[in-house]
Amino acid sequence: MKYSFQSRVALTGSMISLAVMLAACGGGEDETAAQAESAQAVALESAKEVTSTTSSDGFMPEVTPDAWELANDPTVEQSFLAAMQQKAASAPLLSAAVTDARVKWNPGHYIALGRRDATTLQQALTEIKDLPQVKGLILRYEWPQIETSKGVYDFTRIDRDLALAQSAGKRLWVMVGTKVFTAGGRAVPDYMHTAEYEGGAYKILIGARDALGSNERYGENAALHNVKVRDRLIALATALGNRYNRNNAFEGMTFNETAMGQMAVPLTTTQRTAYFTNLAAVDAATQRAFPNTVAMQFINFPRPYMAGLITNMVNSKVALGGPDILMQDPDLTNNIYPLYDLAKGKVPVGPSVQPENYLTTVQNGPLNPPKISDLYAFGRNRLGANYMFWTRSFTGSPAPYPKVLEFFKSSAFPKDSSGGLNATCPSTYAACVPKL
């Protein structure tokens, strides 16, 4: 049974209020996070809060897709797919100007962290130190954290985290976030909140409640339907590529999932199509900026645009990732997971296990924790994973992440270099190498 959005808010309200009160009463960060996680777990919603309060293990907090994102729209789907196919047919070979076409290729398992403080990173790296199949970490950085003003980039956080991973003999994936679920949070740098960029972002509902100390009730998603916003995101990807493309500890670069969120003011169909046309351009430009590194796009919804977007990704050598392994979810099973077949073997595939995935097999569903081995088997066998991203979540009883580590150490877990995942070099890559 699927809970409605309103039912989920009602279900979690008292537990989230308790977590807020615990935070207000004091205590250290770890203690407060643990108390909040325990309270939220009782409500079955701690792993993926609809209200956007970022939990300590919530690598990619999400909201439920809007109704139109789940709906079938053959006209839009066929039109967008045709446009992407035409673009693919007329596009020049992306490798024409690349003198070294080798791609760093270290398939296997990576751990996703909700926090990026040095203590947490070092602890997580210690936990996987003796697991060679667990190759490193994937960390999320919001766009405004990297671009502090127009054309001015602060790589301090990424440099530190990359150095920590490298010193532990591990690698780093970087996710650039263009969507925020924290009330009053910013999805784009401040200079873009002007008429020139159509405000830079649009508001998305996050449960319609105030955050502590804020009058804002909305998060944001980057206004990619605006070409100037698109161009600034391309400039960001280019700057990242210039700095990290040839760093052997930098395994991959990805953007967050494609679901647009429940818009406070809905975009028109024309604007939505422009949004995904521009996202396709951003993906292709990111791969060009990272010719020797796996460039990835996480996909899920809206349904009408996914086939066309993946067509562009395969043509542009952009890897396909995803934010959820929900093995019995009808929307994903019927509409999204089959699209992985368009990418498998051609470009890298990298599904992720989110906090909610440890607790249920259906989005917004009842408590029904799957076996860690079943999540692994689904990612490997059904989705054809080259990479798997596992959230370091302690929400639930027993806590999921220790069970993940147990599985990695068990006899059931393959001990080849990729931990049983497909290590074959994708067909669109000229050559795959462990390091340049």
Protein backbone atom coordinates (compact mmCIF):
# COMPACT_ATOMS: atom_id res chain seq x y z
CA MET A 1 0.00 0.00 0.00
CA LYS A 2 1.28 3.47 -0.87
CA TYR A 3 0.81 6.24 1.62
CA SER A 4 -0.35 9.58 0.25
CA PHE A 5 1.94 12.56 0.65
CA GLN A 6 -0.40 14.01 3.28
CA SER A 7 -0.50 10.72 5.19
CA ARG A 8 3.26 10.56 5.28
CA VAL A 9 3.48 14.08 6.69
CA ALA A 10 0.91 13.23 9.36
CA LEU A 11 2.72 10.02 10.18
CA THR A 12 6.09 11.69 10.63
CA GLY A 13 5.01 14.97 12.19
CA SER A 14 5.21 13.99 15.83
CA MET A 15 8.48 12.08 15.40
CA ILE A 16 10.17 14.93 13.53
CA SER A 17 8.96 17.39 16.17
CA LEU A 18 10.55 15.16 18.80
CA ALA A 19 13.82 15.17 16.86
CA VAL A 20 13.74 18.96 16.63
CA MET A 21 13.12 19.26 20.37
CA LEU A 22 16.02 16.92 21.08
CA ALA A 23 18.28 19.09 18.94
CA ALA A 24 17.09 22.24 20.70
CA CYS A 25 17.86 20.74 24.11
CA GLY A 26 21.57 20.52 23.35
CA GLY A 27 24.06 17.70 23.17
CA GLY A 28 26.78 16.88 20.70
CA GLU A 29 26.21 16.50 16.97
CA ASP A 30 26.54 12.72 17.01
CA GLU A 31 24.27 12.33 20.03
CA THR A 32 21.61 14.57 18.53
CA ALA A 33 21.78 12.79 15.18
CA ALA A 34 21.45 9.40 16.85
CA GLN A 35 18.40 10.54 18.84
CA ALA A 36 16.79 12.04 15.76
CA GLU A 37 17.44 8.92 13.71
CA SER A 38 15.90 6.69 16.37
CA ALA A 39 12.76 8.80 16.60
CA GLN A 40 12.35 9.01 12.84
CA ALA A 41 12.88 5.28 12.36
CA VAL A 42 9.81 4.55 14.48
CA ALA A 43 7.78 6.53 11.96
CA LEU A 44 9.20 4.48 9.04
CA GLU A 45 10.14 7.72 7.32
CA SER A 46 13.49 8.61 8.77
CA ALA A 47 15.39 7.21 5.86
CA LYS A 48 13.94 9.54 3.28
CA GLU A 49 12.14 12.48 4.81
CA VAL A 50 9.47 14.13 2.69
CA THR A 51 9.98 17.32 4.63
CA SER A 52 13.63 17.68 3.65
CA THR A 53 15.19 17.88 7.08
CA THR A 54 18.57 16.38 6.26
CA SER A 55 19.31 13.38 8.45
CA SER A 56 22.89 12.40 9.19
CA ASP A 57 22.63 9.37 6.91
CA GLY A 58 20.42 10.96 4.25
CA PHE A 59 22.82 11.12 1.32
CA MET A 60 20.18 12.25 -1.15
CA PRO A 61 16.98 13.37 0.58
CA GLU A 62 14.08 13.27 -1.85
CA VAL A 63 10.43 14.16 -2.14
CA THR A 64 7.76 12.02 -3.71
CA PRO A 65 7.59 12.65 -7.49
CA ASP A 66 4.71 14.84 -8.60
CA ALA A 67 1.78 13.05 -10.25
CA TRP A 68 2.67 14.24 -13.75
CA GLU A 69 6.20 12.82 -13.38
CA LEU A 70 4.76 9.33 -12.99
CA ALA A 71 2.15 9.67 -15.72
CA ASN A 72 2.43 8.35 -19.24
CA ASP A 73 2.51 11.09 -21.89
CA PRO A 74 3.20 9.43 -25.27
CA THR A 75 3.18 12.71 -27.21
CA VAL A 76 5.87 14.34 -25.08
CA GLU A 77 7.86 11.11 -24.78
CA GLN A 78 7.96 10.43 -28.52
CA SER A 79 8.70 14.04 -29.38
CA PHE A 80 11.58 14.34 -26.92
CA LEU A 81 12.99 10.94 -27.87
CA ALA A 82 12.92 11.88 -31.55
CA ALA A 83 14.71 15.15 -30.80
CA MET A 84 17.45 13.34 -28.87
CA GLN A 85 17.82 10.71 -31.59
CA GLN A 86 18.16 13.42 -34.22
CA LYS A 87 20.74 15.18 -32.08
CA ALA A 88 22.67 11.93 -31.68
CA ALA A 89 22.65 11.32 -35.43
CA SER A 90 23.98 14.77 -36.24
CA ALA A 91 26.45 15.16 -33.37
CA PRO A 92 30.17 15.05 -34.19
CA LEU A 93 32.28 12.34 -32.62
CA LEU A 94 33.02 13.53 -29.09
CA SER A 95 36.43 11.83 -29.10
CA ALA A 96 37.68 13.70 -32.17
CA ALA A 97 39.64 16.27 -30.13
CA VAL A 98 40.72 13.89 -27.37
CA THR A 99 44.30 12.69 -27.67
CA ASP A 100 44.12 10.34 -24.66
CA ALA A 101 40.81 8.47 -24.69
CA ARG A 102 41.57 6.15 -21.77
CA VAL A 103 39.07 6.24 -18.92
CA LYS A 104 39.87 5.59 -15.26
CA TRP A 105 37.95 2.44 -14.49
CA ASN A 106 37.62 1.02 -10.99
CA PRO A 107 34.20 -0.65 -10.83
CA GLY A 108 33.03 -1.89 -7.47
CA HIS A 109 31.28 -0.64 -4.35
CA TYR A 110 31.36 2.90 -2.95
CA ILE A 111 29.95 4.27 0.31
CA ALA A 112 27.68 7.32 0.34
CA LEU A 113 27.90 9.64 3.33
CA GLY A 114 25.40 12.23 4.52
CA ARG A 115 28.08 14.09 6.48
CA ARG A 116 31.44 15.30 5.22
CA ASP A 117 33.21 16.23 8.46
CA ALA A 118 36.73 14.85 8.64
CA THR A 119 35.96 12.59 11.59
CA THR A 120 33.08 10.86 9.79
CA LEU A 121 35.10 10.49 6.59
CA GLN A 122 38.05 8.98 8.42
CA GLN A 123 35.80 6.59 10.31
CA ALA A 124 34.08 5.48 7.11
CA LEU A 125 37.42 4.99 5.37
CA THR A 126 38.69 2.94 8.31
CA GLU A 127 35.62 0.72 8.06
CA ILE A 128 36.36 -0.15 4.43
CA LYS A 129 40.15 -0.13 4.64
CA ASP A 130 40.47 -3.92 4.45
CA LEU A 131 37.73 -4.37 1.84
CA PRO A 132 39.43 -4.04 -1.57
CA GLN A 133 36.12 -4.47 -3.41
CA VAL A 134 34.83 -1.33 -1.66
CA LYS A 135 36.75 1.21 -3.66
CA GLY A 136 35.91 4.47 -1.90
CA LEU A 137 33.30 7.10 -1.14
CA ILE A 138 30.69 9.16 -2.96
CA LEU A 139 30.06 12.59 -1.45
CA ARG A 140 27.57 15.29 -2.36
CA TYR A 141 28.44 18.98 -2.73
CA GLU A 142 25.81 21.61 -3.41
CA TRP A 143 26.42 23.96 -6.32
CA PRO A 144 26.67 27.12 -4.14
CA GLN A 145 29.29 25.42 -1.97
CA ILE A 146 31.58 25.15 -4.98
CA GLU A 147 30.81 28.35 -6.92
CA THR A 148 30.89 31.08 -4.29
CA SER A 149 30.38 33.92 -6.77
CA LYS A 150 30.16 34.09 -10.54
CA GLY A 151 33.11 32.20 -11.97
CA VAL A 152 34.82 31.94 -8.57
CA TYR A 153 35.23 28.35 -7.40
CA ASP A 154 36.13 27.01 -3.98
CA PHE A 155 37.57 23.50 -4.25
CA THR A 156 38.72 23.36 -0.62
CA ARG A 157 36.18 20.78 0.55
CA ILE A 158 36.66 18.49 -2.42
CA ASP A 159 40.46 18.75 -2.20
CA ARG A 160 40.39 17.79 1.48
CA ASP A 161 38.03 14.86 0.95
CA LEU A 162 39.97 13.64 -2.07
CA ALA A 163 43.20 13.75 -0.07
CA LEU A 164 41.61 11.78 2.79
CA ALA A 165 40.37 9.10 0.40
CA GLN A 166 43.67 8.93 -1.43
CA SER A 167 45.65 8.63 1.81
CA ALA A 168 43.51 5.60 2.70
CA GLY A 169 44.12 4.00 -0.69
CA LYS A 170 40.55 4.71 -1.80
CA ARG A 171 38.85 6.80 -4.47
CA LEU A 172 36.23 9.54 -4.53
CA TRP A 173 33.04 10.09 -6.49
CA VAL A 174 31.70 13.65 -6.46
CA MET A 175 28.00 14.40 -6.78
CA VAL A 176 27.06 17.98 -7.60
CA GLY A 177 23.67 18.83 -6.13
CA THR A 178 21.37 21.17 -8.04
CA LYS A 179 18.36 20.57 -5.79
CA VAL A 180 17.95 21.29 -2.06
CA PHE A 181 15.30 20.07 0.33
CA THR A 182 16.21 22.22 3.31
CA ALA A 183 13.64 24.96 3.89
CA GLY A 184 15.12 28.21 2.65
CA GLY A 185 18.13 26.41 1.16
CA ARG A 186 19.75 27.57 -2.05
CA ALA A 187 20.15 25.30 -5.08
CA VAL A 188 22.19 27.81 -7.08
CA PRO A 189 24.70 30.54 -6.20
CA ASP A 190 23.27 33.82 -4.93
CA TYR A 191 24.25 35.80 -8.02
CA MET A 192 21.75 33.74 -10.04
CA HIS A 193 18.75 34.76 -7.97
CA THR A 194 18.05 37.58 -10.40
CA ALA A 195 15.75 38.27 -13.34
CA GLU A 196 18.62 37.54 -15.74
CA TYR A 197 18.43 33.87 -14.70
CA GLU A 198 14.66 33.81 -14.11
CA GLY A 199 15.43 33.63 -10.41
CA GLY A 200 17.98 30.86 -10.95
CA ALA A 201 15.75 28.25 -9.34
CA TYR A 202 12.12 27.36 -8.74
CA LYS A 203 10.55 26.47 -5.43
CA ILE A 204 9.68 22.89 -4.58
CA LEU A 205 7.39 21.77 -1.79
CA ILE A 206 9.05 19.95 1.07
CA GLY A 207 6.10 19.22 3.31
CA ALA A 208 4.80 22.78 3.66
CA ARG A 209 6.08 23.31 7.19
CA ASP A 210 8.52 25.79 8.63
CA ALA A 211 12.06 24.75 9.34
CA LEU A 212 13.53 25.55 12.71
CA GLY A 213 14.57 29.20 12.66
CA SER A 214 13.20 29.82 9.17
CA ASN A 215 10.00 31.15 7.67
CA GLU A 216 10.66 29.34 4.42
CA ARG A 217 8.52 26.33 3.53
CA TYR A 218 10.19 25.41 0.27
CA GLY A 219 13.34 23.96 -1.17
CA GLU A 220 14.72 24.75 -4.61
CA ASN A 221 15.63 23.12 -7.89
CA ALA A 222 17.89 24.80 -10.44
CA ALA A 223 15.92 26.47 -13.25
CA LEU A 224 17.61 24.53 -16.03
CA HIS A 225 14.92 25.55 -18.49
CA ASN A 226 16.82 28.85 -18.61
CA VAL A 227 19.77 28.71 -21.02
CA LYS A 228 21.87 31.01 -18.83
CA VAL A 229 21.45 28.67 -15.87
CA ARG A 230 22.42 25.80 -18.18
CA ASP A 231 25.55 27.64 -19.29
CA ARG A 232 26.62 28.38 -15.71
CA LEU A 233 26.25 24.70 -14.81
CA ILE A 234 28.34 23.78 -17.84
CA ALA A 235 30.96 26.30 -16.67
CA LEU A 236 30.99 24.62 -13.25
CA ALA A 237 31.44 21.16 -14.78
CA THR A 238 34.24 22.51 -16.97
CA ALA A 239 36.05 23.99 -13.98
CA LEU A 240 35.74 20.69 -12.10
CA GLY A 241 37.03 18.79 -15.12
CA ASN A 242 40.00 21.09 -15.51
CA ARG A 243 40.98 20.43 -11.92
CA TYR A 244 40.18 16.75 -11.38
CA ASN A 245 39.91 14.90 -14.68
CA ARG A 246 43.41 13.42 -14.55
CA ASN A 247 43.53 12.85 -10.80
CA ASN A 248 43.72 9.08 -10.36
CA ALA A 249 41.90 9.18 -7.01
CA PHE A 250 38.95 11.02 -8.58
CA GLU A 251 36.84 8.14 -9.90
CA GLY A 252 33.70 9.86 -11.12
CA MET A 253 31.48 12.90 -11.31
CA THR A 254 27.68 12.83 -11.23
CA PHE A 255 24.63 15.03 -10.90
CA ASN A 256 21.68 14.31 -8.64
CA GLU A 257 18.49 12.59 -9.76
CA THR A 258 16.25 14.02 -12.48
CA ALA A 259 12.94 14.17 -10.56
CA MET A 260 11.88 17.81 -10.60
CA GLY A 261 10.03 17.89 -7.28
CA GLN A 262 6.57 19.16 -6.44
CA MET A 263 6.76 22.64 -7.94
CA ALA A 264 5.12 25.50 -6.08
CA VAL A 265 4.43 27.10 -9.47
CA PRO A 266 4.37 24.37 -12.14
CA LEU A 267 6.48 24.82 -15.25
CA THR A 268 4.76 24.66 -18.60
CA THR A 269 5.30 21.70 -20.93
CA THR A 270 7.53 23.92 -23.06
CA GLN A 271 9.64 24.81 -20.03
CA ARG A 272 9.87 21.18 -18.96
CA THR A 273 11.07 20.14 -22.39
CA ALA A 274 13.61 22.96 -22.37
CA TYR A 275 14.75 21.78 -18.92
CA PHE A 276 15.61 18.29 -20.17
CA THR A 277 17.02 19.51 -23.46
CA ASN A 278 19.39 21.69 -21.44
CA LEU A 279 20.16 18.87 -19.00
CA ALA A 280 21.15 16.71 -21.97
CA ALA A 281 23.53 19.47 -23.05
CA VAL A 282 24.98 19.72 -19.52
CA ASP A 283 25.56 15.97 -19.40
CA ALA A 284 27.35 15.94 -22.75
CA ALA A 285 29.48 18.96 -21.79
CA THR A 286 30.40 17.30 -18.50
CA GLN A 287 31.69 14.24 -20.30
CA ARG A 288 33.75 16.48 -22.57
CA ALA A 289 35.17 18.17 -19.45
CA PHE A 290 36.02 14.73 -18.00
CA PRO A 291 37.28 12.76 -21.03
CA ASN A 292 39.31 10.40 -18.79
CA THR A 293 36.81 10.09 -15.94
CA VAL A 294 33.38 8.49 -15.63
CA ALA A 295 30.73 11.22 -15.95
CA MET A 296 27.30 10.13 -14.73
CA GLN A 297 23.71 11.35 -14.49
CA PHE A 298 21.33 9.92 -11.85
CA ILE A 299 17.90 9.33 -13.40
CA ASN A 300 14.46 8.43 -12.12
CA PHE A 301 11.57 10.69 -13.17
CA PRO A 302 9.74 12.34 -14.96
CA ARG A 303 8.80 9.34 -17.01
CA PRO A 304 8.12 11.09 -20.38
CA TYR A 305 11.69 12.41 -20.68
CA MET A 306 13.79 9.50 -19.48
CA ALA A 307 14.08 7.44 -22.70
CA GLY A 308 15.22 10.51 -24.64
CA LEU A 309 17.62 11.61 -21.93
CA ILE A 310 19.22 8.15 -21.74
CA THR A 311 19.55 8.10 -25.54
CA ASN A 312 21.55 11.31 -25.28
CA MET A 313 23.59 9.92 -22.40
CA VAL A 314 24.62 6.79 -24.29
CA ASN A 315 25.54 8.83 -27.36
CA SER A 316 27.54 11.22 -25.17
CA LYS A 317 29.27 8.43 -23.20
CA VAL A 318 27.55 9.57 -20.01
CA ALA A 319 27.03 6.89 -17.36
CA LEU A 320 23.60 6.07 -15.94
CA GLY A 321 23.05 6.14 -12.19
CA GLY A 322 19.96 5.99 -10.04
CA PRO A 323 18.90 7.03 -6.56
CA ASP A 324 16.93 3.96 -5.48
CA ILE A 325 16.82 0.18 -5.41
CA LEU A 326 13.19 -0.52 -4.53
CA MET A 327 12.70 -4.01 -5.84
CA GLN A 328 8.88 -4.11 -5.79
CA ASP A 329 8.05 -0.50 -6.59
CA PRO A 330 5.63 -0.52 -9.55
CA ASP A 331 6.60 2.89 -10.94
CA LEU A 332 10.29 2.02 -11.01
CA THR A 333 9.74 -1.60 -12.08
CA ASN A 334 7.43 -0.79 -14.98
CA ASN A 335 8.83 2.50 -16.21
CA ILE A 336 12.40 3.17 -15.08
CA TYR A 337 14.34 -0.05 -14.47
CA PRO A 338 13.68 -1.31 -18.05
CA LEU A 339 15.45 1.81 -19.33
CA TYR A 340 18.68 0.57 -17.75
CA ASP A 341 18.74 -1.98 -20.57
CA LEU A 342 19.36 0.89 -23.00
CA ALA A 343 22.64 1.67 -21.22
CA LYS A 344 24.01 -1.64 -19.95
CA GLY A 345 27.27 -2.59 -21.64
CA LYS A 346 27.41 0.71 -23.52
CA VAL A 347 28.07 3.14 -20.68
CA PRO A 348 28.71 2.52 -16.97
CA VAL A 349 25.71 1.81 -14.74
CA GLY A 350 25.64 2.81 -11.08
CA PRO A 351 22.51 2.33 -8.96
CA SER A 352 22.50 3.40 -5.33
CA VAL A 353 20.98 2.06 -2.13
CA GLN A 354 19.29 4.91 -0.26
CA PRO A 355 18.30 4.91 3.44
CA GLU A 356 14.67 4.06 2.67
CA ASN A 357 15.76 1.12 0.52
CA TYR A 358 17.01 -0.66 3.61
CA LEU A 359 13.56 -0.41 5.20
CA THR A 360 11.07 -1.10 2.42
CA THR A 361 10.81 -2.42 -1.12
CA VAL A 362 8.19 0.11 -2.29
CA GLN A 363 8.52 3.87 -2.31
CA ASN A 364 6.65 5.31 0.71
CA GLY A 365 5.75 1.74 1.62
CA PRO A 366 5.36 -0.12 4.89
CA LEU A 367 8.29 -1.42 6.89
CA ASN A 368 9.58 -4.46 5.00
CA PRO A 369 13.39 -4.59 5.20
CA PRO A 370 14.93 -6.55 2.33
CA LYS A 371 18.05 -8.65 2.76
CA ILE A 372 21.29 -6.84 1.94
CA SER A 373 22.12 -9.75 -0.36
CA ASP A 374 18.85 -9.16 -2.25
CA LEU A 375 19.62 -5.46 -2.78
CA TYR A 376 23.04 -6.45 -4.05
CA ALA A 377 21.66 -9.14 -6.37
CA PHE A 378 19.08 -6.77 -7.83
CA GLY A 379 21.69 -4.10 -8.57
CA ARG A 380 24.08 -6.63 -10.07
CA ASN A 381 21.68 -8.87 -12.00
CA ARG A 382 18.64 -6.78 -12.93
CA LEU A 383 20.30 -3.37 -13.31
CA GLY A 384 23.68 -4.58 -14.57
CA ALA A 385 25.70 -2.48 -12.15
CA ASN A 386 29.33 -1.66 -12.70
CA TYR A 387 29.21 0.54 -9.61
CA MET A 388 26.99 0.31 -6.54
CA PHE A 389 26.64 3.15 -4.05
CA TRP A 390 25.63 2.16 -0.50
CA THR A 391 24.42 4.80 1.95
CA ARG A 392 26.07 4.63 5.35
CA SER A 393 22.76 4.55 7.21
CA PHE A 394 22.23 3.67 10.86
CA THR A 395 18.47 4.28 10.78
CA GLY A 396 16.50 1.20 11.73
CA SER A 397 16.74 -1.69 14.13
CA PRO A 398 19.05 -3.38 13.55
CA ALA A 399 20.99 -0.59 11.89
CA PRO A 400 21.44 -1.28 8.14
CA TYR A 401 25.02 -0.22 7.53
CA PRO A 402 26.67 -2.70 9.91
CA LYS A 403 24.71 -5.38 8.05
CA VAL A 404 26.16 -4.08 4.78
CA LEU A 405 29.67 -4.41 6.17
CA GLU A 406 28.85 -7.91 7.41
CA PHE A 407 27.73 -8.84 3.91
CA PHE A 408 30.92 -7.45 2.38
CA LYS A 409 32.94 -9.65 4.75
CA SER A 410 30.79 -12.76 4.28
CA SER A 411 31.45 -15.77 2.06
CA ALA A 412 28.38 -14.81 -0.01
CA PHE A 413 30.10 -11.65 -1.26
CA PRO A 414 32.34 -12.21 -4.31
CA LYS A 415 35.99 -11.45 -3.66
CA ASP A 416 36.98 -10.49 -7.20
CA SER A 417 38.23 -6.93 -7.70
CA SER A 418 34.78 -5.47 -8.40
CA GLY A 419 32.89 -7.36 -5.71
CA GLY A 420 30.92 -9.34 -8.28
CA LEU A 421 29.84 -6.35 -10.36
CA ASN A 422 30.35 -6.16 -14.11
CA ALA A 423 33.93 -5.06 -14.71
CA THR A 424 33.84 -5.17 -18.53
CA CYS A 425 34.85 -1.91 -20.17
CA PRO A 426 31.75 -0.25 -21.71
CA SER A 427 31.56 -0.38 -25.48
CA THR A 428 31.53 3.41 -25.92
CA TYR A 429 34.89 3.73 -24.15
CA ALA A 430 38.06 3.39 -26.19
CA ALA A 431 39.98 1.89 -23.27
CA CYS A 432 39.55 1.36 -19.53
CA VAL A 433 42.52 1.57 -17.16
CA PRO A 434 42.84 1.50 -13.35
CA LYS A 435 44.87 4.71 -13.50
CA LEU A 436 46.21 7.08 -16.12
